[in-house]
Amino acid sequence: MAALGCDKIAFTARGKSGDSHWYGNFGRFAGADSSDKKIDALLNACAYSVGGGKLALLDVKTGELKVLVDDPEGGVRDPVVSYDAKKIMYSHRKGGEHYKIFEIDLGDGEIRQMPFWEEGYDDIEPAYLPDGDIVFVSSRCRRMVPCWGVDVAVLHRYYAGENTVRAISANVDQDNSPWPTSDGKIIYMKWEYVHKNQMNYHALWKKDANGANDMIYFGNDIPNHLYIDAKEIPGAKSSYVLTFSDWHGSRYHLGRIAFLRNPRNPSDTSAFSLASGESLMEFSYPFPLSENYALVGHFKKSIRKEKRVCRTSLPYVSV
């Protein structure tokens, strides 16, 4: 790891998700007026993970593990490190609350809740933008999945200079895993539930950081697959590492790890290649270390850990 420029790894650990879908990982199921108690129990259950959560920092050279946040009653997820590698931003659901975004200072350990929270909604999957703003996914769009009683979350941006939040997506259903790219845009996964099919199309899209010029990037006419958690490879423009799942995706964003290199068009399958093999469907949340290596999360039995780079010599630092 050190030979690839990685000195420390920041990761989160959380319990089992309450839902089997790739998008069912926050909020609660909608209630139902039913005489069937089993249905009521299902629809009023939580979609988020249960069993506690931690944010930790692993020193690759010494093996020292430092737990930064430990909440046995809540949930911790989505760690991302600032450009100067001095802070980590993450989503935290404390007890019975909704997910809110926090930031910890790696120097003094001070934790602050980000100023753009709004009570009653879940904010997840944040990413730092080069100008100091933050892109994240939020349920404040006030929508639910038409065929499944869980909340929808779409892209939002926090404008630090104005101290305000604006939606930068009008998607009817889920947006996921936004990430800034070297051309000043944001790459993300868009579920085309209404526009194409309720289960078959989950492609990669790109848009300007203010939400304009939204356009399909890869997977336009390739049904029955999910492309998610794409991140640009350092020093290799228009090349990405991502998670690839069959059909409607899997719990925890699980799937195969894949590379997408310079697609000529949104249907250019020659630019796509699997890195983890056809049958290895137990990986998630890849982070590129170089053009040929990525740090990934590995799901094994009932244990799940998300691992991503914390401190590197790369031009863009994240976890």
C-alpha atoms as a PDB file:
ATOM      1  CA  MET A   1       0.000   0.000   0.000  1.00  0.00           C
ATOM      2  CA  ALA A   2       2.736   2.451   0.891  1.00  0.00           C
ATOM      3  CA  ALA A   3       4.383   1.800  -2.477  1.00  0.00           C
ATOM      4  CA  LEU A   4       1.205   3.088  -4.119  1.00  0.00           C
ATOM      5  CA  GLY A   5       1.286   6.332  -2.146  1.00  0.00           C
ATOM      6  CA  CYS A   6      -1.104   5.353   0.629  1.00  0.00           C
ATOM      7  CA  ASP A   7      -0.007   5.872   4.233  1.00  0.00           C
ATOM      8  CA  LYS A   8      -3.349   5.598   6.027  1.00  0.00           C
ATOM      9  CA  ILE A   9      -6.765   4.161   5.335  1.00  0.00           C
ATOM     10  CA  ALA A  10      -9.976   5.653   6.685  1.00  0.00           C
ATOM     11  CA  PHE A  11     -12.983   3.362   6.744  1.00  0.00           C
ATOM     12  CA  THR A  12     -16.376   2.897   8.319  1.00  0.00           C
ATOM     13  CA  ALA A  13     -17.983  -0.260   9.681  1.00  0.00           C
ATOM     14  CA  ARG A  14     -21.719  -0.611  10.073  1.00  0.00           C
ATOM     15  CA  GLY A  15     -24.307  -3.291  10.766  1.00  0.00           C
ATOM     16  CA  LYS A  16     -26.686  -5.143   8.508  1.00  0.00           C
ATOM     17  CA  SER A  17     -28.930  -3.115   6.215  1.00  0.00           C
ATOM     18  CA  GLY A  18     -32.668  -3.264   6.782  1.00  0.00           C
ATOM     19  CA  ASP A  19     -33.460  -3.709   3.090  1.00  0.00           C
ATOM     20  CA  SER A  20     -32.246  -5.884   0.225  1.00  0.00           C
ATOM     21  CA  HIS A  21     -32.057  -3.121  -2.408  1.00  0.00           C
ATOM     22  CA  TRP A  22     -29.020  -1.022  -3.329  1.00  0.00           C
ATOM     23  CA  TYR A  23     -31.013   2.129  -2.516  1.00  0.00           C
ATOM     24  CA  GLY A  24     -32.675   0.925   0.693  1.00  0.00           C
ATOM     25  CA  ASN A  25     -30.011   2.088   3.149  1.00  0.00           C
ATOM     26  CA  PHE A  26     -31.483   5.123   4.912  1.00  0.00           C
ATOM     27  CA  GLY A  27     -34.816   6.244   6.337  1.00  0.00           C
ATOM     28  CA  ARG A  28     -37.772   3.993   7.116  1.00  0.00           C
ATOM     29  CA  PHE A  29     -40.406   2.160   5.131  1.00  0.00           C
ATOM     30  CA  ALA A  30     -43.736   3.952   4.739  1.00  0.00           C
ATOM     31  CA  GLY A  31     -46.479   2.826   7.088  1.00  0.00           C
ATOM     32  CA  ALA A  32     -49.510   0.945   5.830  1.00  0.00           C
ATOM     33  CA  ASP A  33     -53.072   0.719   7.057  1.00  0.00           C
ATOM     34  CA  SER A  34     -53.382  -3.034   6.904  1.00  0.00           C
ATOM     35  CA  SER A  35     -54.968  -5.776   8.934  1.00  0.00           C
ATOM     36  CA  ASP A  36     -51.959  -7.951   8.194  1.00  0.00           C
ATOM     37  CA  LYS A  37     -49.520  -7.460  11.073  1.00  0.00           C
ATOM     38  CA  LYS A  38     -46.641  -8.989   9.103  1.00  0.00           C
ATOM     39  CA  ILE A  39     -47.081  -6.397   6.343  1.00  0.00           C
ATOM     40  CA  ASP A  40     -47.306  -3.583   8.876  1.00  0.00           C
ATOM     41  CA  ALA A  41     -44.126  -4.794  10.588  1.00  0.00           C
ATOM     42  CA  LEU A  42     -42.268  -4.832   7.265  1.00  0.00           C
ATOM     43  CA  LEU A  43     -43.462  -1.459   6.041  1.00  0.00           C
ATOM     44  CA  ASN A  44     -42.737   0.284   9.324  1.00  0.00           C
ATOM     45  CA  ALA A  45     -39.263  -1.206   9.671  1.00  0.00           C
ATOM     46  CA  CYS A  46     -36.049   0.730   9.164  1.00  0.00           C
ATOM     47  CA  ALA A  47     -34.256   0.718   5.824  1.00  0.00           C
ATOM     48  CA  TYR A  48     -30.978   1.901   7.369  1.00  0.00           C
ATOM     49  CA  SER A  49     -28.371  -0.408   8.862  1.00  0.00           C
ATOM     50  CA  VAL A  50     -28.649  -1.446  12.500  1.00  0.00           C
ATOM     51  CA  GLY A  51     -26.060  -2.674  14.951  1.00  0.00           C
ATOM     52  CA  GLY A  52     -23.967   0.442  15.442  1.00  0.00           C
ATOM     53  CA  GLY A  53     -21.280   2.151  13.399  1.00  0.00           C
ATOM     54  CA  LYS A  54     -17.659   3.277  13.547  1.00  0.00           C
ATOM     55  CA  LEU A  55     -15.271   5.568  11.714  1.00  0.00           C
ATOM     56  CA  ALA A  56     -11.650   4.467  12.021  1.00  0.00           C
ATOM     57  CA  LEU A  57      -8.185   5.265  10.727  1.00  0.00           C
ATOM     58  CA  LEU A  58      -5.630   2.532   9.971  1.00  0.00           C
ATOM     59  CA  ASP A  59      -1.913   3.333   9.756  1.00  0.00           C
ATOM     60  CA  VAL A  60      -0.651   1.100   6.944  1.00  0.00           C
ATOM     61  CA  LYS A  61       2.986   1.193   8.090  1.00  0.00           C
ATOM     62  CA  THR A  62       2.558   0.566  11.819  1.00  0.00           C
ATOM     63  CA  GLY A  63      -0.763  -1.306  11.836  1.00  0.00           C
ATOM     64  CA  GLU A  64      -2.147   1.087  14.451  1.00  0.00           C
ATOM     65  CA  LEU A  65      -5.950   1.350  14.365  1.00  0.00           C
ATOM     66  CA  LYS A  66      -7.512   4.516  15.726  1.00  0.00           C
ATOM     67  CA  VAL A  67     -11.286   4.677  16.196  1.00  0.00           C
ATOM     68  CA  LEU A  68     -12.452   8.236  15.560  1.00  0.00           C
ATOM     69  CA  VAL A  69     -16.207   7.781  15.999  1.00  0.00           C
ATOM     70  CA  ASP A  70     -17.963   4.913  17.790  1.00  0.00           C
ATOM     71  CA  ASP A  71     -21.763   4.867  18.009  1.00  0.00           C
ATOM     72  CA  PRO A  72     -23.207   1.493  19.099  1.00  0.00           C
ATOM     73  CA  GLU A  73     -26.774   2.764  18.674  1.00  0.00           C
ATOM     74  CA  GLY A  74     -26.486   4.697  15.410  1.00  0.00           C
ATOM     75  CA  GLY A  75     -24.891   4.409  11.993  1.00  0.00           C
ATOM     76  CA  VAL A  76     -21.742   5.834  10.385  1.00  0.00           C
ATOM     77  CA  ARG A  77     -21.061   5.786   6.630  1.00  0.00           C
ATOM     78  CA  ASP A  78     -19.695   7.586   3.543  1.00  0.00           C
ATOM     79  CA  PRO A  79     -16.278   8.843   4.739  1.00  0.00           C
ATOM     80  CA  VAL A  80     -14.497  11.298   2.442  1.00  0.00           C
ATOM     81  CA  VAL A  81     -11.257  13.158   3.138  1.00  0.00           C
ATOM     82  CA  SER A  82     -10.657  16.829   2.358  1.00  0.00           C
ATOM     83  CA  TYR A  83      -8.207  17.871  -0.370  1.00  0.00           C
ATOM     84  CA  ASP A  84      -5.543  18.722   2.213  1.00  0.00           C
ATOM     85  CA  ALA A  85      -6.140  15.424   4.071  1.00  0.00           C
ATOM     86  CA  LYS A  86      -6.746  17.274   7.333  1.00  0.00           C
ATOM     87  CA  LYS A  87     -10.444  16.487   7.740  1.00  0.00           C
ATOM     88  CA  ILE A  88     -12.892  13.660   7.119  1.00  0.00           C
ATOM     89  CA  MET A  89     -16.513  14.280   6.223  1.00  0.00           C
ATOM     90  CA  TYR A  90     -19.032  11.504   6.834  1.00  0.00           C
ATOM     91  CA  SER A  91     -22.712  10.714   7.376  1.00  0.00           C
ATOM     92  CA  HIS A  92     -23.874   9.859  10.880  1.00  0.00           C
ATOM     93  CA  ARG A  93     -27.260   8.700  12.123  1.00  0.00           C
ATOM     94  CA  LYS A  94     -27.354   9.172  15.876  1.00  0.00           C
ATOM     95  CA  GLY A  95     -29.807   6.863  17.626  1.00  0.00           C
ATOM     96  CA  GLY A  96     -33.279   7.404  16.208  1.00  0.00           C
ATOM     97  CA  GLU A  97     -32.318  10.508  14.227  1.00  0.00           C
ATOM     98  CA  HIS A  98     -31.907  10.922  10.479  1.00  0.00           C
ATOM     99  CA  TYR A  99     -28.512  10.839   8.770  1.00  0.00           C
ATOM    100  CA  LYS A 100     -26.704  14.158   8.990  1.00  0.00           C
ATOM    101  CA  ILE A 101     -23.281  15.093   7.637  1.00  0.00           C
ATOM    102  CA  PHE A 102     -20.410  15.750  10.027  1.00  0.00           C
ATOM    103  CA  GLU A 103     -16.740  16.655   9.708  1.00  0.00           C
ATOM    104  CA  ILE A 104     -13.882  15.644  11.996  1.00  0.00           C
ATOM    105  CA  ASP A 105     -10.571  17.487  12.265  1.00  0.00           C
ATOM    106  CA  LEU A 106      -7.768  14.898  12.176  1.00  0.00           C
ATOM    107  CA  GLY A 107      -5.475  17.247  14.073  1.00  0.00           C
ATOM    108  CA  ASP A 108      -7.433  17.872  17.252  1.00  0.00           C
ATOM    109  CA  GLY A 109     -10.287  15.361  16.829  1.00  0.00           C
ATOM    110  CA  GLU A 110     -12.943  18.079  16.983  1.00  0.00           C
ATOM    111  CA  ILE A 111     -16.249  17.088  15.344  1.00  0.00           C
ATOM    112  CA  ARG A 112     -18.715  19.575  13.901  1.00  0.00           C
ATOM    113  CA  GLN A 113     -22.084  19.066  12.310  1.00  0.00           C
ATOM    114  CA  MET A 114     -22.170  20.644   8.858  1.00  0.00           C
ATOM    115  CA  PRO A 115     -24.344  23.780   8.783  1.00  0.00           C
ATOM    116  CA  PHE A 116     -26.695  22.705   5.988  1.00  0.00           C
ATOM    117  CA  TRP A 117     -28.713  20.053   7.853  1.00  0.00           C
ATOM    118  CA  GLU A 118     -32.498  20.217   7.819  1.00  0.00           C
ATOM    119  CA  GLU A 119     -34.557  18.358  10.403  1.00  0.00           C
ATOM    120  CA  GLY A 120     -36.623  15.431   9.153  1.00  0.00           C
ATOM    121  CA  TYR A 121     -34.447  14.490   6.175  1.00  0.00           C
ATOM    122  CA  ASP A 122     -31.489  12.210   5.494  1.00  0.00           C
ATOM    123  CA  ASP A 123     -28.261  13.596   4.002  1.00  0.00           C
ATOM    124  CA  ILE A 124     -25.784  10.967   2.764  1.00  0.00           C
ATOM    125  CA  GLU A 125     -22.900  10.376   0.315  1.00  0.00           C
ATOM    126  CA  PRO A 126     -21.139  13.763   0.552  1.00  0.00           C
ATOM    127  CA  ALA A 127     -18.152  14.825  -1.550  1.00  0.00           C
ATOM    128  CA  TYR A 128     -15.947  17.913  -1.396  1.00  0.00           C
ATOM    129  CA  LEU A 129     -15.939  20.129  -4.484  1.00  0.00           C
ATOM    130  CA  PRO A 130     -12.746  21.999  -5.483  1.00  0.00           C
ATOM    131  CA  ASP A 131     -14.274  25.426  -4.756  1.00  0.00           C
ATOM    132  CA  GLY A 132     -15.152  24.582  -1.155  1.00  0.00           C
ATOM    133  CA  ASP A 133     -18.791  23.644  -1.772  1.00  0.00           C
ATOM    134  CA  ILE A 134     -20.216  20.179  -1.063  1.00  0.00           C
ATOM    135  CA  VAL A 135     -22.320  17.867  -3.201  1.00  0.00           C
ATOM    136  CA  PHE A 136     -24.425  15.263  -1.428  1.00  0.00           C
ATOM    137  CA  VAL A 137     -27.547  13.124  -1.738  1.00  0.00           C
ATOM    138  CA  SER A 138     -30.617  14.097   0.290  1.00  0.00           C
ATOM    139  CA  SER A 139     -34.179  12.986   0.906  1.00  0.00           C
ATOM    140  CA  ARG A 140     -35.335  16.590   1.180  1.00  0.00           C
ATOM    141  CA  CYS A 141     -36.803  16.174  -2.321  1.00  0.00           C
ATOM    142  CA  ARG A 142     -39.824  14.649  -0.501  1.00  0.00           C
ATOM    143  CA  ARG A 143     -40.466  11.681  -2.758  1.00  0.00           C
ATOM    144  CA  MET A 144     -40.800   7.938  -2.363  1.00  0.00           C
ATOM    145  CA  VAL A 145     -40.001   5.015  -4.650  1.00  0.00           C
ATOM    146  CA  PRO A 146     -43.326   4.298  -6.455  1.00  0.00           C
ATOM    147  CA  CYS A 147     -43.063   0.509  -6.124  1.00  0.00           C
ATOM    148  CA  TRP A 148     -41.348   0.304  -2.737  1.00  0.00           C
ATOM    149  CA  GLY A 149     -42.124   2.251   0.411  1.00  0.00           C
ATOM    150  CA  VAL A 150     -38.777   3.933   0.998  1.00  0.00           C
ATOM    151  CA  ASP A 151     -37.546   7.507   0.600  1.00  0.00           C
ATOM    152  CA  VAL A 152     -35.964   8.884  -2.561  1.00  0.00           C
ATOM    153  CA  ALA A 153     -32.756  10.922  -2.350  1.00  0.00           C
ATOM    154  CA  VAL A 154     -31.358  13.098  -5.164  1.00  0.00           C
ATOM    155  CA  LEU A 155     -28.353  15.367  -5.696  1.00  0.00           C
ATOM    156  CA  HIS A 156     -28.063  18.603  -3.716  1.00  0.00           C
ATOM    157  CA  ARG A 157     -25.265  21.148  -3.434  1.00  0.00           C
ATOM    158  CA  TYR A 158     -24.242  23.231  -0.452  1.00  0.00           C
ATOM    159  CA  TYR A 159     -23.062  26.673  -1.537  1.00  0.00           C
ATOM    160  CA  ALA A 160     -20.650  27.615   1.238  1.00  0.00           C
ATOM    161  CA  GLY A 161     -20.392  31.291   0.271  1.00  0.00           C
ATOM    162  CA  GLU A 162     -24.147  31.750   0.492  1.00  0.00           C
ATOM    163  CA  ASN A 163     -24.658  29.178   3.271  1.00  0.00           C
ATOM    164  CA  THR A 164     -27.547  27.659   1.356  1.00  0.00           C
ATOM    165  CA  VAL A 165     -28.571  24.344  -0.214  1.00  0.00           C
ATOM    166  CA  ARG A 166     -30.072  23.910  -3.669  1.00  0.00           C
ATOM    167  CA  ALA A 167     -31.280  20.769  -5.393  1.00  0.00           C
ATOM    168  CA  ILE A 168     -29.262  20.110  -8.557  1.00  0.00           C
ATOM    169  CA  SER A 169     -31.435  17.209  -9.701  1.00  0.00           C
ATOM    170  CA  ALA A 170     -35.100  16.757 -10.561  1.00  0.00           C
ATOM    171  CA  ASN A 171     -34.939  12.977 -10.834  1.00  0.00           C
ATOM    172  CA  VAL A 172     -38.154  11.186  -9.899  1.00  0.00           C
ATOM    173  CA  ASP A 173     -36.173   8.373  -8.285  1.00  0.00           C
ATOM    174  CA  GLN A 174     -32.778   7.797  -6.738  1.00  0.00           C
ATOM    175  CA  ASP A 175     -29.489   9.493  -7.566  1.00  0.00           C
ATOM    176  CA  ASN A 176     -26.447   7.873  -5.995  1.00  0.00           C
ATOM    177  CA  SER A 177     -22.733   8.273  -5.311  1.00  0.00           C
ATOM    178  CA  PRO A 178     -21.861  11.721  -6.766  1.00  0.00           C
ATOM    179  CA  TRP A 179     -18.166  12.408  -7.331  1.00  0.00           C
ATOM    180  CA  PRO A 180     -16.277  15.399  -8.846  1.00  0.00           C
ATOM    181  CA  THR A 181     -14.296  14.832 -12.038  1.00  0.00           C
ATOM    182  CA  SER A 182     -11.244  16.574 -13.499  1.00  0.00           C
ATOM    183  CA  ASP A 183     -13.343  18.375 -16.126  1.00  0.00           C
ATOM    184  CA  GLY A 184     -15.303  20.217 -13.430  1.00  0.00           C
ATOM    185  CA  LYS A 185     -18.379  18.007 -13.602  1.00  0.00           C
ATOM    186  CA  ILE A 186     -20.017  15.463 -11.310  1.00  0.00           C
ATOM    187  CA  ILE A 187     -20.379  11.795 -12.229  1.00  0.00           C
ATOM    188  CA  TYR A 188     -23.161   9.856 -10.535  1.00  0.00           C
ATOM    189  CA  MET A 189     -25.598   6.954 -10.892  1.00  0.00           C
ATOM    190  CA  LYS A 190     -29.107   7.842 -12.034  1.00  0.00           C
ATOM    191  CA  TRP A 191     -32.039   5.453 -11.745  1.00  0.00           C
ATOM    192  CA  GLU A 192     -34.190   5.914 -14.848  1.00  0.00           C
ATOM    193  CA  TYR A 193     -37.320   4.447 -13.287  1.00  0.00           C
ATOM    194  CA  VAL A 194     -39.903   6.547 -15.112  1.00  0.00           C
ATOM    195  CA  HIS A 195     -37.965   7.422 -18.249  1.00  0.00           C
ATOM    196  CA  LYS A 196     -37.092   3.845 -19.245  1.00  0.00           C
ATOM    197  CA  ASN A 197     -37.925   1.000 -16.880  1.00  0.00           C
ATOM    198  CA  GLN A 198     -38.520   0.544 -13.188  1.00  0.00           C
ATOM    199  CA  MET A 199     -35.700  -1.989 -12.695  1.00  0.00           C
ATOM    200  CA  ASN A 200     -33.480  -2.276 -15.766  1.00  0.00           C
ATOM    201  CA  TYR A 201     -31.584   1.003 -16.207  1.00  0.00           C
ATOM    202  CA  HIS A 202     -29.121   2.405 -13.657  1.00  0.00           C
ATOM    203  CA  ALA A 203     -26.552   4.218 -15.771  1.00  0.00           C
ATOM    204  CA  LEU A 204     -23.722   6.656 -15.111  1.00  0.00           C
ATOM    205  CA  TRP A 205     -24.537  10.293 -15.835  1.00  0.00           C
ATOM    206  CA  LYS A 206     -22.489  13.500 -15.732  1.00  0.00           C
ATOM    207  CA  LYS A 207     -23.564  17.079 -15.139  1.00  0.00           C
ATOM    208  CA  ASP A 208     -22.101  20.462 -14.326  1.00  0.00           C
ATOM    209  CA  ALA A 209     -21.559  21.022 -10.618  1.00  0.00           C
ATOM    210  CA  ASN A 210     -24.512  23.438 -10.580  1.00  0.00           C
ATOM    211  CA  GLY A 211     -26.847  20.808 -12.052  1.00  0.00           C
ATOM    212  CA  ALA A 212     -26.812  22.046 -15.663  1.00  0.00           C
ATOM    213  CA  ASN A 213     -26.045  20.014 -18.805  1.00  0.00           C
ATOM    214  CA  ASP A 214     -27.151  16.688 -17.379  1.00  0.00           C
ATOM    215  CA  MET A 215     -26.221  13.939 -19.852  1.00  0.00           C
ATOM    216  CA  ILE A 216     -25.890  10.166 -19.995  1.00  0.00           C
ATOM    217  CA  TYR A 217     -22.262   9.030 -19.764  1.00  0.00           C
ATOM    218  CA  PHE A 218     -22.307   5.239 -19.891  1.00  0.00           C
ATOM    219  CA  GLY A 219     -24.947   2.488 -20.001  1.00  0.00           C
ATOM    220  CA  ASN A 220     -27.532   4.247 -22.165  1.00  0.00           C
ATOM    221  CA  ASP A 221     -28.944   1.162 -23.930  1.00  0.00           C
ATOM    222  CA  ILE A 222     -27.363  -1.571 -21.809  1.00  0.00           C
ATOM    223  CA  PRO A 223     -30.208  -2.908 -19.617  1.00  0.00           C
ATOM    224  CA  ASN A 224     -30.205  -5.199 -16.597  1.00  0.00           C
ATOM    225  CA  HIS A 225     -27.132  -3.742 -14.902  1.00  0.00           C
ATOM    226  CA  LEU A 226     -26.254  -1.262 -12.160  1.00  0.00           C
ATOM    227  CA  TYR A 227     -23.201   1.022 -12.455  1.00  0.00           C
ATOM    228  CA  ILE A 228     -22.475   2.784  -9.165  1.00  0.00           C
ATOM    229  CA  ASP A 229     -19.775   4.449  -7.024  1.00  0.00           C
ATOM    230  CA  ALA A 230     -17.699   5.558 -10.017  1.00  0.00           C
ATOM    231  CA  LYS A 231     -14.519   7.532  -9.275  1.00  0.00           C
ATOM    232  CA  GLU A 232     -12.046   8.970 -11.733  1.00  0.00           C
ATOM    233  CA  ILE A 233      -8.600   7.359 -11.786  1.00  0.00           C
ATOM    234  CA  PRO A 234      -5.852   9.857 -10.804  1.00  0.00           C
ATOM    235  CA  GLY A 235      -3.865  11.003 -13.818  1.00  0.00           C
ATOM    236  CA  ALA A 236      -6.139   9.168 -16.258  1.00  0.00           C
ATOM    237  CA  LYS A 237      -8.852  11.539 -17.466  1.00  0.00           C
ATOM    238  CA  SER A 238     -12.158   9.957 -18.496  1.00  0.00           C
ATOM    239  CA  SER A 239     -11.142   6.676 -16.855  1.00  0.00           C
ATOM    240  CA  TYR A 240     -12.996   5.326 -13.824  1.00  0.00           C
ATOM    241  CA  VAL A 241     -13.208   2.487 -11.350  1.00  0.00           C
ATOM    242  CA  LEU A 242     -16.728   1.492 -10.282  1.00  0.00           C
ATOM    243  CA  THR A 243     -18.975  -1.245  -8.927  1.00  0.00           C
ATOM    244  CA  PHE A 244     -20.953  -3.294 -11.442  1.00  0.00           C
ATOM    245  CA  SER A 245     -23.986  -5.355 -10.383  1.00  0.00           C
ATOM    246  CA  ASP A 246     -26.444  -7.467 -12.340  1.00  0.00           C
ATOM    247  CA  TRP A 247     -30.019  -6.417 -13.061  1.00  0.00           C
ATOM    248  CA  HIS A 248     -31.436  -4.312 -10.197  1.00  0.00           C
ATOM    249  CA  GLY A 249     -28.284  -4.253  -8.070  1.00  0.00           C
ATOM    250  CA  SER A 250     -27.538  -5.662  -4.632  1.00  0.00           C
ATOM    251  CA  ARG A 251     -27.665  -4.730  -0.973  1.00  0.00           C
ATOM    252  CA  TYR A 252     -24.690  -2.655   0.217  1.00  0.00           C
ATOM    253  CA  HIS A 253     -23.881  -1.689  -3.416  1.00  0.00           C
ATOM    254  CA  LEU A 254     -22.250  -5.100  -3.770  1.00  0.00           C
ATOM    255  CA  GLY A 255     -21.033  -6.344  -7.129  1.00  0.00           C
ATOM    256  CA  ARG A 256     -17.943  -6.780  -9.261  1.00  0.00           C
ATOM    257  CA  ILE A 257     -15.217  -4.165  -9.506  1.00  0.00           C
ATOM    258  CA  ALA A 258     -14.826  -2.793 -13.036  1.00  0.00           C
ATOM    259  CA  PHE A 259     -12.853  -0.226 -15.008  1.00  0.00           C
ATOM    260  CA  LEU A 260     -14.304   2.179 -17.556  1.00  0.00           C
ATOM    261  CA  ARG A 261     -11.631   3.763 -19.747  1.00  0.00           C
ATOM    262  CA  ASN A 262     -12.348   6.585 -22.201  1.00  0.00           C
ATOM    263  CA  PRO A 263     -15.746   5.523 -23.540  1.00  0.00           C
ATOM    264  CA  ARG A 264     -16.338   6.891 -27.044  1.00  0.00           C
ATOM    265  CA  ASN A 265     -20.077   7.010 -26.442  1.00  0.00           C
ATOM    266  CA  PRO A 266     -22.587   5.909 -23.764  1.00  0.00           C
ATOM    267  CA  SER A 267     -22.849   2.451 -25.358  1.00  0.00           C
ATOM    268  CA  ASP A 268     -19.140   1.739 -25.876  1.00  0.00           C
ATOM    269  CA  THR A 269     -18.769  -1.640 -24.158  1.00  0.00           C
ATOM    270  CA  SER A 270     -15.170  -1.946 -25.417  1.00  0.00           C
ATOM    271  CA  ALA A 271     -14.214   0.670 -22.799  1.00  0.00           C
ATOM    272  CA  PHE A 272     -15.588  -1.514 -19.990  1.00  0.00           C
ATOM    273  CA  SER A 273     -13.680  -4.345 -18.297  1.00  0.00           C
ATOM    274  CA  LEU A 274     -14.134  -6.417 -15.152  1.00  0.00           C
ATOM    275  CA  ALA A 275     -11.348  -6.377 -12.584  1.00  0.00           C
ATOM    276  CA  SER A 276     -12.664  -8.877 -10.046  1.00  0.00           C
ATOM    277  CA  GLY A 277     -13.827 -11.749 -12.269  1.00  0.00           C
ATOM    278  CA  GLU A 278     -17.241 -12.861 -13.452  1.00  0.00           C
ATOM    279  CA  SER A 279     -18.301 -14.628 -10.246  1.00  0.00           C
ATOM    280  CA  LEU A 280     -16.869 -12.364  -7.547  1.00  0.00           C
ATOM    281  CA  MET A 281     -19.953 -10.370  -6.534  1.00  0.00           C
ATOM    282  CA  GLU A 282     -18.924  -9.384  -3.011  1.00  0.00           C
ATOM    283  CA  PHE A 283     -17.062  -6.075  -3.445  1.00  0.00           C
ATOM    284  CA  SER A 284     -18.155  -2.456  -3.061  1.00  0.00           C
ATOM    285  CA  TYR A 285     -17.078   1.183  -2.769  1.00  0.00           C
ATOM    286  CA  PRO A 286     -13.863   1.101  -4.858  1.00  0.00           C
ATOM    287  CA  PHE A 287     -11.315   3.901  -4.614  1.00  0.00           C
ATOM    288  CA  PRO A 288      -8.631   4.173  -7.330  1.00  0.00           C
ATOM    289  CA  LEU A 289      -5.005   4.193  -6.214  1.00  0.00           C
ATOM    290  CA  SER A 290      -3.566   4.128  -9.718  1.00  0.00           C
ATOM    291  CA  GLU A 291      -4.561   3.109 -13.218  1.00  0.00           C
ATOM    292  CA  ASN A 292      -4.420  -0.570 -12.293  1.00  0.00           C
ATOM    293  CA  TYR A 293      -5.080  -0.710  -8.548  1.00  0.00           C
ATOM    294  CA  ALA A 294      -8.049   0.181  -6.351  1.00  0.00           C
ATOM    295  CA  LEU A 295      -8.874  -0.155  -2.688  1.00  0.00           C
ATOM    296  CA  VAL A 296     -12.275  -1.801  -2.223  1.00  0.00           C
ATOM    297  CA  GLY A 297     -14.671  -2.937   0.447  1.00  0.00           C
ATOM    298  CA  HIS A 298     -15.165  -6.699   0.772  1.00  0.00           C
ATOM    299  CA  PHE A 299     -18.299  -8.324   2.117  1.00  0.00           C
ATOM    300  CA  LYS A 300     -17.814 -11.647   3.888  1.00  0.00           C
ATOM    301  CA  LYS A 301     -20.588 -13.508   5.677  1.00  0.00           C
ATOM    302  CA  SER A 302     -22.217 -11.062   8.140  1.00  0.00           C
ATOM    303  CA  ILE A 303     -19.238  -8.705   8.337  1.00  0.00           C
ATOM    304  CA  ARG A 304     -19.064  -5.632   6.163  1.00  0.00           C
ATOM    305  CA  LYS A 305     -16.424  -2.930   6.074  1.00  0.00           C
ATOM    306  CA  GLU A 306     -16.016   0.036   3.807  1.00  0.00           C
ATOM    307  CA  LYS A 307     -12.399   0.945   3.164  1.00  0.00           C
ATOM    308  CA  ARG A 308     -11.113   3.857   1.187  1.00  0.00           C
ATOM    309  CA  VAL A 309      -7.959   5.933   0.942  1.00  0.00           C
ATOM    310  CA  CYS A 310      -7.405   8.513   3.638  1.00  0.00           C
ATOM    311  CA  ARG A 311      -3.993  10.024   3.053  1.00  0.00           C
ATOM    312  CA  THR A 312      -2.093   9.721  -0.200  1.00  0.00           C
ATOM    313  CA  SER A 313       0.249  11.593  -2.478  1.00  0.00           C
ATOM    314  CA  LEU A 314      -2.426  11.771  -5.167  1.00  0.00           C
ATOM    315  CA  PRO A 315      -3.733  15.154  -6.334  1.00  0.00           C
ATOM    316  CA  TYR A 316      -7.238  14.447  -5.057  1.00  0.00           C
ATOM    317  CA  VAL A 317      -7.542  12.846  -1.638  1.00  0.00           C
ATOM    318  CA  SER A 318     -10.607  11.061  -0.387  1.00  0.00           C
ATOM    319  CA  VAL A 319     -11.790   8.069   1.556  1.00  0.00           C
END
